[in-house]
């Protein structure tokens, strides 16, 4: 049974809507995630074409900041760049723009060189295959400080850009765990059940479709996910199935939503790290969000994580 069909049946049985829904403080101004390809940009107006081929016109806020490998002004973004935008006022005012951004998360398979640059081949799990990332010489210091175990068998997580068919890593997305990918620490002995909230780190991935809202979850039933690697996590997460609805709350921002579980997050489950962008989260990644969902919950794509609580939606 497909995820969409499973999701629809569960929604009907429980008497709830079939789409993602907000669960945040009604006093907070909503954030809107907009994705697409830049068609035109000026100091005051940004025009993007979304995945459906429709144009969206957004006012560029005076305080707007853009990122494309480094912080730039919105007018420095080239036409044709693929963007994720955090917007306010029902998606009409752009305040943060990330262009050609990508995230590469996986297990190091091999390391090579291209002149002064380094190349890393990653095993990104059974659902995402292998990826090769170039670490430019100018970014190698930042990456290596957060990834001291730079050798096959260890985890790697970086944020970068896609350009000309190549992937470049510019920022470490997290501090590398000290253990090998196959030696994830065991979870706590017990947890409060599926109705409880589990705390940890929420991250994002670019493995979702453009503009798709949802999460990849580390602890799916193996038969349901058709994945032998799922179920690994150092947190006390309950087992859930594809199509389940997951409550995800950003502890720092006070924003939350109930999102569908669309994919297996077996690689994210191997990271027993902390998010330190706002306070310090307990160890372990509890959800891997699509870029749009991450942004709408107040996350910053270049920071890569937020302190989160999750539970059955």
Protein backbone atom coordinates (compact mmCIF):
# COMPACT_ATOMS: atom_id res chain seq x y z
CA UNK A 1 0.00 0.00 0.00
CA UNK A 2 1.41 3.40 -0.97
CA UNK A 3 2.15 6.14 1.54
CA UNK A 4 -0.57 8.45 0.19
CA UNK A 5 -3.21 5.70 0.35
CA UNK A 6 -2.15 4.67 3.88
CA UNK A 7 -2.21 8.32 4.96
CA UNK A 8 -5.72 8.84 3.54
CA UNK A 9 -7.12 5.73 5.24
CA UNK A 10 -5.60 6.68 8.60
CA UNK A 11 -7.02 10.20 8.30
CA UNK A 12 -10.48 8.89 7.49
CA UNK A 13 -10.44 6.38 10.35
CA UNK A 14 -9.38 9.02 12.88
CA UNK A 15 -11.64 11.76 11.50
CA UNK A 16 -8.90 14.23 10.69
CA UNK A 17 -7.79 16.18 7.64
CA UNK A 18 -5.45 14.50 5.20
CA UNK A 19 -2.81 17.24 4.98
CA UNK A 20 -0.16 18.68 7.30
CA UNK A 21 -1.68 20.89 9.96
CA UNK A 22 -0.41 23.52 12.32
CA UNK A 23 -0.32 22.92 16.06
CA UNK A 24 1.55 26.07 17.04
CA UNK A 25 0.77 29.01 19.29
CA UNK A 26 -1.97 30.97 17.44
CA UNK A 27 -0.26 34.20 18.51
CA UNK A 28 2.74 33.52 16.29
CA UNK A 29 2.82 35.00 12.80
CA UNK A 30 2.89 32.06 10.38
CA UNK A 31 5.88 31.37 8.18
CA UNK A 32 5.51 30.13 4.61
CA UNK A 33 8.06 28.08 2.71
CA UNK A 34 8.24 28.87 -1.00
CA UNK A 35 10.34 26.88 -3.46
CA UNK A 36 11.08 27.31 -7.13
CA UNK A 37 13.46 28.66 -9.73
CA UNK A 38 14.36 32.34 -9.94
CA UNK A 39 12.95 34.00 -13.05
CA UNK A 40 13.74 37.60 -12.11
CA UNK A 41 15.11 39.45 -9.10
CA UNK A 42 15.41 43.13 -8.24
CA UNK A 43 16.04 45.00 -4.98
CA UNK A 44 12.30 44.97 -4.26
CA UNK A 45 10.77 42.04 -6.16
CA UNK A 46 11.53 38.34 -6.57
CA UNK A 47 9.77 36.19 -9.18
CA UNK A 48 10.07 32.40 -8.93
CA UNK A 49 8.54 29.59 -10.94
CA UNK A 50 7.28 26.77 -8.73
CA UNK A 51 7.20 23.04 -9.45
CA UNK A 52 3.78 23.38 -11.13
CA UNK A 53 5.09 25.97 -13.59
CA UNK A 54 3.24 28.86 -11.97
CA UNK A 55 4.97 32.16 -11.20
CA UNK A 56 5.02 33.52 -7.67
CA UNK A 57 5.86 37.16 -7.03
CA UNK A 58 7.27 38.09 -3.63
CA UNK A 59 8.22 41.45 -2.20
CA UNK A 60 11.82 41.41 -0.97
CA UNK A 61 11.88 42.69 2.61
CA UNK A 62 14.42 45.48 3.33
CA UNK A 63 16.07 43.17 5.89
CA UNK A 64 16.10 40.12 3.58
CA UNK A 65 19.26 37.98 3.54
CA UNK A 66 20.28 35.43 0.91
CA UNK A 67 22.76 32.56 0.97
CA UNK A 68 24.46 30.79 -1.94
CA UNK A 69 27.61 29.24 -0.54
CA UNK A 70 28.02 32.43 1.48
CA UNK A 71 25.82 35.32 2.59
CA UNK A 72 24.94 37.56 -0.35
CA UNK A 73 22.37 40.20 -1.19
CA UNK A 74 19.22 38.95 -2.95
CA UNK A 75 20.15 40.82 -6.13
CA UNK A 76 23.39 38.81 -6.35
CA UNK A 77 21.41 35.60 -6.92
CA UNK A 78 21.56 34.50 -10.57
CA UNK A 79 18.45 33.82 -12.62
CA UNK A 80 17.91 30.06 -12.78
CA UNK A 81 18.96 29.38 -9.19
CA UNK A 82 16.70 27.02 -7.28
CA UNK A 83 15.59 28.64 -4.06
CA UNK A 84 13.92 27.91 -0.76
CA UNK A 85 12.36 31.05 0.68
CA UNK A 86 11.07 31.86 4.14
CA UNK A 87 8.21 34.30 3.69
CA UNK A 88 5.73 36.11 5.88
CA UNK A 89 2.32 37.69 5.29
CA UNK A 90 0.83 34.63 3.59
CA UNK A 91 3.93 34.04 1.53
CA UNK A 92 4.07 37.49 -0.02
CA UNK A 93 7.17 38.94 1.70
CA UNK A 94 10.53 37.14 1.37
CA UNK A 95 12.88 37.56 4.32
CA UNK A 96 15.33 34.64 3.96
CA UNK A 97 16.45 33.06 0.69
CA UNK A 98 18.63 29.98 0.29
CA UNK A 99 19.78 29.39 -3.28
CA UNK A 100 20.99 26.07 -4.80
CA UNK A 101 21.30 24.73 -1.26
CA UNK A 102 21.83 21.04 -0.59
CA UNK A 103 22.70 18.81 2.32
CA UNK A 104 24.87 15.69 2.10
CA UNK A 105 24.47 13.22 4.95
CA UNK A 106 25.91 9.74 5.01
CA UNK A 107 28.79 7.40 5.76
CA UNK A 108 32.21 8.13 4.28
CA UNK A 109 33.17 5.50 1.71
CA UNK A 110 36.32 7.03 0.22
CA UNK A 111 38.29 10.27 0.12
CA UNK A 112 40.24 11.70 -2.80
CA UNK A 113 41.79 14.94 -4.00
CA UNK A 114 41.29 17.32 -6.92
CA UNK A 115 44.16 19.76 -6.73
CA UNK A 116 43.77 21.50 -3.38
CA UNK A 117 40.16 20.37 -3.04
CA UNK A 118 39.03 17.12 -1.40
CA UNK A 119 36.39 14.77 -2.77
CA UNK A 120 34.31 12.51 -0.55
CA UNK A 121 32.15 9.62 -1.70
CA UNK A 122 29.27 8.97 0.70
CA UNK A 123 26.90 6.10 1.27
CA UNK A 124 23.66 7.97 1.91
CA UNK A 125 21.68 4.87 2.81
CA UNK A 126 19.64 2.27 0.94
CA UNK A 127 17.01 4.82 -0.16
CA UNK A 128 19.33 7.59 -1.38
CA UNK A 129 22.31 5.77 -2.86
CA UNK A 130 25.79 7.27 -3.09
CA UNK A 131 26.82 10.87 -3.57
CA UNK A 132 30.12 12.53 -4.28
CA UNK A 133 30.82 15.90 -2.69
CA UNK A 134 33.67 18.32 -3.32
CA UNK A 135 35.11 20.16 -0.31
CA UNK A 136 36.75 23.33 -1.66
CA UNK A 137 40.11 24.18 -0.14
CA UNK A 138 38.69 27.41 1.34
CA UNK A 139 36.02 25.43 3.23
CA UNK A 140 38.18 22.49 4.31
CA UNK A 141 39.21 24.05 7.63
CA UNK A 142 35.61 24.56 8.75
CA UNK A 143 34.62 21.07 7.66
CA UNK A 144 37.60 19.29 9.24
CA UNK A 145 37.26 21.04 12.61
CA UNK A 146 33.77 19.54 12.96
CA UNK A 147 34.76 16.23 11.28
CA UNK A 148 38.00 15.14 12.97
CA UNK A 149 37.52 11.44 12.05
CA UNK A 150 37.88 12.04 8.33
CA UNK A 151 38.10 8.45 7.16
CA UNK A 152 35.88 5.67 5.76
CA UNK A 153 33.28 4.26 8.13
CA UNK A 154 32.56 7.52 9.94
CA UNK A 155 29.53 9.76 9.52
CA UNK A 156 29.59 12.97 7.50
CA UNK A 157 27.07 15.82 7.38
CA UNK A 158 27.55 19.08 5.49
CA UNK A 159 25.57 21.89 3.89
CA UNK A 160 26.56 23.16 0.48
CA UNK A 161 25.44 24.06 -3.01
CA UNK A 162 24.74 22.29 -6.26
CA UNK A 163 26.29 23.95 -9.30
CA UNK A 164 27.07 22.66 -12.77
CA UNK A 165 26.13 19.10 -11.84
CA UNK A 166 28.54 19.02 -8.88
CA UNK A 167 27.92 19.23 -5.13
CA UNK A 168 30.13 21.48 -3.01
CA UNK A 169 30.27 21.37 0.81
CA UNK A 170 30.72 24.78 2.45
CA UNK A 171 29.53 24.37 6.03
CA UNK A 172 29.55 21.50 8.54
CA UNK A 173 25.94 20.71 9.38
CA UNK A 174 26.85 19.14 12.71
CA UNK A 175 29.73 17.89 14.76
CA UNK A 176 30.76 14.41 13.68
CA UNK A 177 29.91 11.64 16.17
CA UNK A 178 33.00 10.01 17.64
CA UNK A 179 31.88 6.45 16.90
CA UNK A 180 31.78 4.57 13.60
CA UNK A 181 28.46 4.58 11.77
CA UNK A 182 27.89 0.91 12.63
CA UNK A 183 28.38 1.48 16.38
CA UNK A 184 25.42 3.69 17.34
CA UNK A 185 24.94 3.88 21.14
CA UNK A 186 21.87 1.99 22.39
CA UNK A 187 18.70 3.91 23.30
CA UNK A 188 17.42 4.33 26.87
CA UNK A 189 15.93 1.23 28.46
CA UNK A 190 12.35 2.51 28.38
CA UNK A 191 10.18 5.32 27.09
CA UNK A 192 6.70 6.61 27.78
CA UNK A 193 4.93 5.09 24.77
CA UNK A 194 3.59 6.53 21.56
CA UNK A 195 1.54 9.22 23.28
CA UNK A 196 4.58 10.77 24.95
CA UNK A 197 6.81 13.48 23.49
CA UNK A 198 10.42 12.55 22.76
CA UNK A 199 13.05 15.29 22.72
CA UNK A 200 16.05 15.50 20.44
CA UNK A 201 17.29 17.21 17.30
CA UNK A 202 15.25 17.87 14.14
CA UNK A 203 17.24 18.27 10.92
CA UNK A 204 16.37 18.70 7.24
CA UNK A 205 17.10 16.88 4.02
CA UNK A 206 16.87 17.68 0.31
CA UNK A 207 15.73 14.13 -0.49
CA UNK A 208 12.07 15.20 -0.68
CA UNK A 209 10.25 16.47 -3.76
CA UNK A 210 10.39 20.21 -4.42
CA UNK A 211 7.96 21.94 -2.05
CA UNK A 212 6.89 18.70 -0.35
CA UNK A 213 5.84 18.89 3.31
CA UNK A 214 6.66 15.92 5.53
CA UNK A 215 9.31 14.03 7.46
CA UNK A 216 11.61 11.03 7.27
CA UNK A 217 11.46 9.07 10.52
CA UNK A 218 14.34 6.98 11.92
CA UNK A 219 12.34 4.20 13.59
CA UNK A 220 9.92 2.66 11.13
CA UNK A 221 8.70 -0.92 11.24
CA UNK A 222 11.18 -2.82 9.06
CA UNK A 223 8.56 -4.74 7.11
CA UNK A 224 6.62 -1.54 6.51
CA UNK A 225 9.65 0.45 5.36
CA UNK A 226 11.21 -2.46 3.44
CA UNK A 227 14.53 -1.47 5.00
CA UNK A 228 16.88 -3.59 7.08
CA UNK A 229 18.67 -0.47 8.36
CA UNK A 230 15.67 1.22 9.94
CA UNK A 231 14.99 1.12 13.68
CA UNK A 232 18.49 2.29 14.68
CA UNK A 233 18.40 5.27 17.04
CA UNK A 234 19.97 6.29 20.34
CA UNK A 235 16.72 7.96 21.40
CA UNK A 236 13.64 6.32 22.88
CA UNK A 237 11.52 6.71 19.77
CA UNK A 238 8.51 4.42 19.31
CA UNK A 239 8.12 2.38 16.13
CA UNK A 240 5.77 4.04 13.63
CA UNK A 241 4.74 3.32 10.05
CA UNK A 242 4.83 5.18 6.76
CA UNK A 243 1.77 7.41 6.49
CA UNK A 244 1.54 8.06 10.23
CA UNK A 245 1.16 11.66 11.36
CA UNK A 246 3.97 13.00 13.52
CA UNK A 247 3.81 16.01 15.82
CA UNK A 248 7.01 18.07 15.47
CA UNK A 249 7.64 21.04 17.75
CA UNK A 250 10.45 23.58 17.55
CA UNK A 251 11.25 24.12 21.23
CA UNK A 252 13.14 27.35 20.60
CA UNK A 253 10.59 29.05 18.33
CA UNK A 254 7.40 27.76 19.91
CA UNK A 255 6.21 26.58 16.49
CA UNK A 256 4.82 23.13 15.78
CA UNK A 257 3.00 21.15 13.13
CA UNK A 258 1.63 17.69 12.49
CA UNK A 259 3.30 16.23 9.41
CA UNK A 260 3.06 12.95 7.50
CA UNK A 261 5.87 10.42 7.67
CA UNK A 262 6.84 10.04 4.02
CA UNK A 263 10.18 8.24 4.09
CA UNK A 264 12.62 6.15 6.08
CA UNK A 265 15.21 8.17 8.01
CA UNK A 266 17.60 5.31 8.72
CA UNK A 267 20.77 7.38 8.14
CA UNK A 268 19.54 10.21 10.41
CA UNK A 269 18.97 7.61 13.13
CA UNK A 270 22.72 6.85 13.22
CA UNK A 271 23.53 10.39 14.40
CA UNK A 272 23.56 10.48 18.20
CA UNK A 273 24.47 14.17 18.26
CA UNK A 274 23.00 17.33 19.78
CA UNK A 275 21.62 20.54 18.32
CA UNK A 276 23.18 23.57 20.03
CA UNK A 277 21.64 26.37 17.95
CA UNK A 278 19.22 27.30 20.74
CA UNK A 279 19.92 25.70 24.07
CA UNK A 280 21.18 22.12 23.87
CA UNK A 281 18.98 19.27 22.72
CA UNK A 282 19.14 15.75 24.13
CA UNK A 283 21.21 13.40 21.99
CA UNK A 284 19.74 11.88 18.85
CA UNK A 285 17.91 12.93 15.71
CA UNK A 286 14.19 12.44 16.10
CA UNK A 287 13.02 13.67 12.68
CA UNK A 288 14.42 14.63 9.30
CA UNK A 289 12.18 17.26 7.71
CA UNK A 290 11.73 18.43 4.16
CA UNK A 291 13.28 21.85 3.55
CA UNK A 292 9.85 23.55 3.37
CA UNK A 293 8.61 21.99 6.61
CA UNK A 294 11.88 22.86 8.37
CA UNK A 295 11.65 26.50 7.27
CA UNK A 296 7.97 26.83 8.20
CA UNK A 297 8.79 25.63 11.72
CA UNK A 298 11.33 28.44 12.08
CA UNK A 299 14.48 26.53 11.13
CA UNK A 300 17.49 28.06 9.39
CA UNK A 301 18.74 25.79 6.60
CA UNK A 302 22.36 26.85 7.02
CA UNK A 303 22.30 26.06 10.74
CA UNK A 304 20.84 22.66 9.97
CA UNK A 305 18.88 21.75 13.10
CA UNK A 306 16.63 22.88 15.91
CA UNK A 307 15.83 21.57 19.37
CA UNK A 308 12.67 19.52 18.88
CA UNK A 309 10.02 17.38 20.51
CA UNK A 310 8.10 14.80 18.54
CA UNK A 311 5.16 12.51 19.22
CA UNK A 312 2.22 10.81 17.60
CA UNK A 313 0.12 13.38 15.73
